[in-house]
C-alpha atoms as a PDB file:
ATOM      1  CA  UNK A   1      35.524   9.914  42.032  1.00  0.00           C
ATOM      2  CA  UNK A   2      36.300   7.751  38.950  1.00  0.00           C
ATOM      3  CA  UNK A   3      33.612   5.495  37.609  1.00  0.00           C
ATOM      4  CA  UNK A   4      34.568   1.816  37.887  1.00  0.00           C
ATOM      5  CA  UNK A   5      34.922   0.045  34.553  1.00  0.00           C
ATOM      6  CA  UNK A   6      34.010  -3.571  33.936  1.00  0.00           C
ATOM      7  CA  UNK A   7      36.869  -6.033  33.564  1.00  0.00           C
ATOM      8  CA  UNK A   8      36.089  -6.648  29.886  1.00  0.00           C
ATOM      9  CA  UNK A   9      35.962  -2.978  28.852  1.00  0.00           C
ATOM     10  CA  UNK A  10      37.704  -1.961  25.616  1.00  0.00           C
ATOM     11  CA  UNK A  11      40.726   0.269  26.253  1.00  0.00           C
ATOM     12  CA  UNK A  12      40.481   3.826  24.955  1.00  0.00           C
ATOM     13  CA  UNK A  13      43.550   3.312  22.785  1.00  0.00           C
ATOM     14  CA  UNK A  14      41.564   0.819  20.718  1.00  0.00           C
ATOM     15  CA  UNK A  15      39.447   3.641  19.282  1.00  0.00           C
ATOM     16  CA  UNK A  16      42.226   6.187  18.843  1.00  0.00           C
ATOM     17  CA  UNK A  17      43.006   7.338  15.319  1.00  0.00           C
ATOM     18  CA  UNK A  18      45.667   5.257  13.622  1.00  0.00           C
ATOM     19  CA  UNK A  19      48.246   6.524  11.156  1.00  0.00           C
ATOM     20  CA  UNK A  20      47.231   6.181   7.532  1.00  0.00           C
ATOM     21  CA  UNK A  21      48.402   2.980   5.885  1.00  0.00           C
ATOM     22  CA  UNK A  22      50.494   3.310   2.736  1.00  0.00           C
ATOM     23  CA  UNK A  23      48.465   3.351  -0.458  1.00  0.00           C
ATOM     24  CA  UNK A  24      47.890  -0.127  -1.858  1.00  0.00           C
ATOM     25  CA  UNK A  25      48.357   1.223  -5.379  1.00  0.00           C
ATOM     26  CA  UNK A  26      52.102   1.802  -4.958  1.00  0.00           C
ATOM     27  CA  UNK A  27      55.063  -0.063  -3.512  1.00  0.00           C
ATOM     28  CA  UNK A  28      57.353   1.553  -0.935  1.00  0.00           C
ATOM     29  CA  UNK A  29      59.752   2.537  -3.742  1.00  0.00           C
ATOM     30  CA  UNK A  30      56.926   4.373  -5.558  1.00  0.00           C
ATOM     31  CA  UNK A  31      56.439   1.843  -8.376  1.00  0.00           C
ATOM     32  CA  UNK A  32      52.718   1.465  -9.070  1.00  0.00           C
ATOM     33  CA  UNK A  33      51.077  -1.880  -8.369  1.00  0.00           C
ATOM     34  CA  UNK A  34      49.256  -3.641 -11.154  1.00  0.00           C
ATOM     35  CA  UNK A  35      45.708  -4.924 -10.754  1.00  0.00           C
ATOM     36  CA  UNK A  36      44.288  -7.876 -12.696  1.00  0.00           C
ATOM     37  CA  UNK A  37      42.691  -7.035 -16.019  1.00  0.00           C
ATOM     38  CA  UNK A  38      43.386  -6.849 -19.739  1.00  0.00           C
ATOM     39  CA  UNK A  39      46.353  -4.750 -20.883  1.00  0.00           C
ATOM     40  CA  UNK A  40      48.050  -3.738 -24.103  1.00  0.00           C
ATOM     41  CA  UNK A  41      51.828  -4.077 -23.803  1.00  0.00           C
ATOM     42  CA  UNK A  42      53.936  -1.889 -26.096  1.00  0.00           C
ATOM     43  CA  UNK A  43      57.502  -0.571 -26.018  1.00  0.00           C
ATOM     44  CA  UNK A  44      56.428   1.719 -23.176  1.00  0.00           C
ATOM     45  CA  UNK A  45      56.106  -1.380 -20.985  1.00  0.00           C
ATOM     46  CA  UNK A  46      59.327  -3.055 -22.179  1.00  0.00           C
ATOM     47  CA  UNK A  47      61.637  -2.953 -25.218  1.00  0.00           C
ATOM     48  CA  UNK A  48      60.758  -6.585 -25.963  1.00  0.00           C
ATOM     49  CA  UNK A  49      57.302  -5.546 -27.204  1.00  0.00           C
ATOM     50  CA  UNK A  50      58.228  -4.069 -30.599  1.00  0.00           C
ATOM     51  CA  UNK A  51      55.064  -5.797 -31.758  1.00  0.00           C
ATOM     52  CA  UNK A  52      52.341  -4.958 -29.199  1.00  0.00           C
ATOM     53  CA  UNK A  53      50.524  -7.820 -27.487  1.00  0.00           C
ATOM     54  CA  UNK A  54      47.314  -8.030 -25.498  1.00  0.00           C
ATOM     55  CA  UNK A  55      47.449  -9.896 -22.200  1.00  0.00           C
ATOM     56  CA  UNK A  56      45.191 -10.818 -19.303  1.00  0.00           C
ATOM     57  CA  UNK A  57      47.032 -10.251 -16.045  1.00  0.00           C
ATOM     58  CA  UNK A  58      46.863 -13.111 -13.560  1.00  0.00           C
ATOM     59  CA  UNK A  59      48.983 -11.596 -10.800  1.00  0.00           C
ATOM     60  CA  UNK A  60      51.987  -9.447 -10.018  1.00  0.00           C
ATOM     61  CA  UNK A  61      55.012 -11.311  -8.658  1.00  0.00           C
ATOM     62  CA  UNK A  62      55.870  -9.342  -5.520  1.00  0.00           C
ATOM     63  CA  UNK A  63      58.174 -12.064  -4.213  1.00  0.00           C
ATOM     64  CA  UNK A  64      60.883 -11.282  -6.794  1.00  0.00           C
ATOM     65  CA  UNK A  65      63.374  -8.436  -6.360  1.00  0.00           C
ATOM     66  CA  UNK A  66      63.444  -6.001  -9.256  1.00  0.00           C
ATOM     67  CA  UNK A  67      64.952  -2.697 -10.289  1.00  0.00           C
ATOM     68  CA  UNK A  68      63.156   0.509  -9.383  1.00  0.00           C
ATOM     69  CA  UNK A  69      60.160   1.027 -11.675  1.00  0.00           C
ATOM     70  CA  UNK A  70      59.990  -2.576 -12.941  1.00  0.00           C
ATOM     71  CA  UNK A  71      58.000  -5.654 -11.892  1.00  0.00           C
ATOM     72  CA  UNK A  72      57.398  -9.291 -12.798  1.00  0.00           C
ATOM     73  CA  UNK A  73      53.881 -10.254 -13.866  1.00  0.00           C
ATOM     74  CA  UNK A  74      52.171 -13.511 -14.794  1.00  0.00           C
ATOM     75  CA  UNK A  75      49.830 -13.211 -17.775  1.00  0.00           C
ATOM     76  CA  UNK A  76      47.900 -15.080 -20.411  1.00  0.00           C
ATOM     77  CA  UNK A  77      48.701 -13.822 -23.909  1.00  0.00           C
ATOM     78  CA  UNK A  78      45.478 -13.266 -25.863  1.00  0.00           C
ATOM     79  CA  UNK A  79      44.820 -13.768 -29.563  1.00  0.00           C
ATOM     80  CA  UNK A  80      42.599 -11.571 -31.773  1.00  0.00           C
ATOM     81  CA  UNK A  81      39.464 -13.346 -30.496  1.00  0.00           C
ATOM     82  CA  UNK A  82      40.386 -12.852 -26.820  1.00  0.00           C
ATOM     83  CA  UNK A  83      41.317 -16.495 -26.252  1.00  0.00           C
ATOM     84  CA  UNK A  84      44.364 -17.301 -24.120  1.00  0.00           C
ATOM     85  CA  UNK A  85      47.105 -18.796 -26.281  1.00  0.00           C
ATOM     86  CA  UNK A  86      50.083 -18.865 -23.910  1.00  0.00           C
ATOM     87  CA  UNK A  87      50.922 -18.355 -20.232  1.00  0.00           C
ATOM     88  CA  UNK A  88      53.957 -16.123 -19.694  1.00  0.00           C
ATOM     89  CA  UNK A  89      55.996 -14.387 -17.007  1.00  0.00           C
ATOM     90  CA  UNK A  90      57.047 -10.927 -18.141  1.00  0.00           C
ATOM     91  CA  UNK A  91      59.376  -8.255 -16.793  1.00  0.00           C
ATOM     92  CA  UNK A  92      57.687  -4.893 -17.430  1.00  0.00           C
ATOM     93  CA  UNK A  93      57.336  -1.287 -16.328  1.00  0.00           C
ATOM     94  CA  UNK A  94      53.855  -0.970 -14.733  1.00  0.00           C
ATOM     95  CA  UNK A  95      53.481   2.675 -15.756  1.00  0.00           C
ATOM     96  CA  UNK A  96      53.862   1.596 -19.416  1.00  0.00           C
ATOM     97  CA  UNK A  97      51.020  -0.947 -19.291  1.00  0.00           C
ATOM     98  CA  UNK A  98      47.866   0.392 -20.950  1.00  0.00           C
ATOM     99  CA  UNK A  99      44.436  -0.935 -19.894  1.00  0.00           C
ATOM    100  CA  UNK A 100      42.576  -2.337 -22.895  1.00  0.00           C
ATOM    101  CA  UNK A 101      39.191  -3.743 -23.743  1.00  0.00           C
ATOM    102  CA  UNK A 102      39.234  -7.513 -24.093  1.00  0.00           C
ATOM    103  CA  UNK A 103      39.042  -8.490 -27.760  1.00  0.00           C
ATOM    104  CA  UNK A 104      35.488  -9.441 -28.597  1.00  0.00           C
ATOM    105  CA  UNK A 105      35.041 -13.044 -29.549  1.00  0.00           C
ATOM    106  CA  UNK A 106      32.688 -12.738 -32.488  1.00  0.00           C
ATOM    107  CA  UNK A 107      30.482 -15.770 -32.180  1.00  0.00           C
ATOM    108  CA  UNK A 108      28.571 -17.085 -35.117  1.00  0.00           C
ATOM    109  CA  UNK A 109      25.147 -18.557 -34.713  1.00  0.00           C
ATOM    110  CA  UNK A 110      25.398 -22.268 -35.357  1.00  0.00           C
ATOM    111  CA  UNK A 111      24.022 -23.432 -38.680  1.00  0.00           C
ATOM    112  CA  UNK A 112      21.553 -26.263 -38.253  1.00  0.00           C
ATOM    113  CA  UNK A 113      21.767 -28.707 -41.093  1.00  0.00           C
ATOM    114  CA  UNK A 114      18.902 -30.961 -42.009  1.00  0.00           C
ATOM    115  CA  UNK A 115      16.577 -29.162 -39.644  1.00  0.00           C
ATOM    116  CA  UNK A 116      12.949 -30.077 -40.232  1.00  0.00           C
ATOM    117  CA  UNK A 117      10.550 -27.202 -40.390  1.00  0.00           C
ATOM    118  CA  UNK A 118       6.873 -27.606 -39.669  1.00  0.00           C
ATOM    119  CA  UNK A 119       4.421 -26.025 -42.100  1.00  0.00           C
END
């Protein structure tokens, strides 16, 4: 004789194993996704970077259609001190983007002029 179940019981299918979701690190076409961070962009990322630049990635533009292996990204271009100098949208190959350390902003200690010293 089956055991009666309450009306608010959770169906058994709720706890059944689900198929694995696709990896968040790649798009359906196999192009890797890009996570926010600091990157060095060279010719490996795009031919436009004959002179390498350092950027801080804001986000990847997934709403734009691109060729296989390419993506649009929004970045801040960084100077030698790590300060953002320009906001740009770039068309790059994610597998050519190299993670980099943010440039260190060497800070000087402020010089206090006319400071009175007690003796």
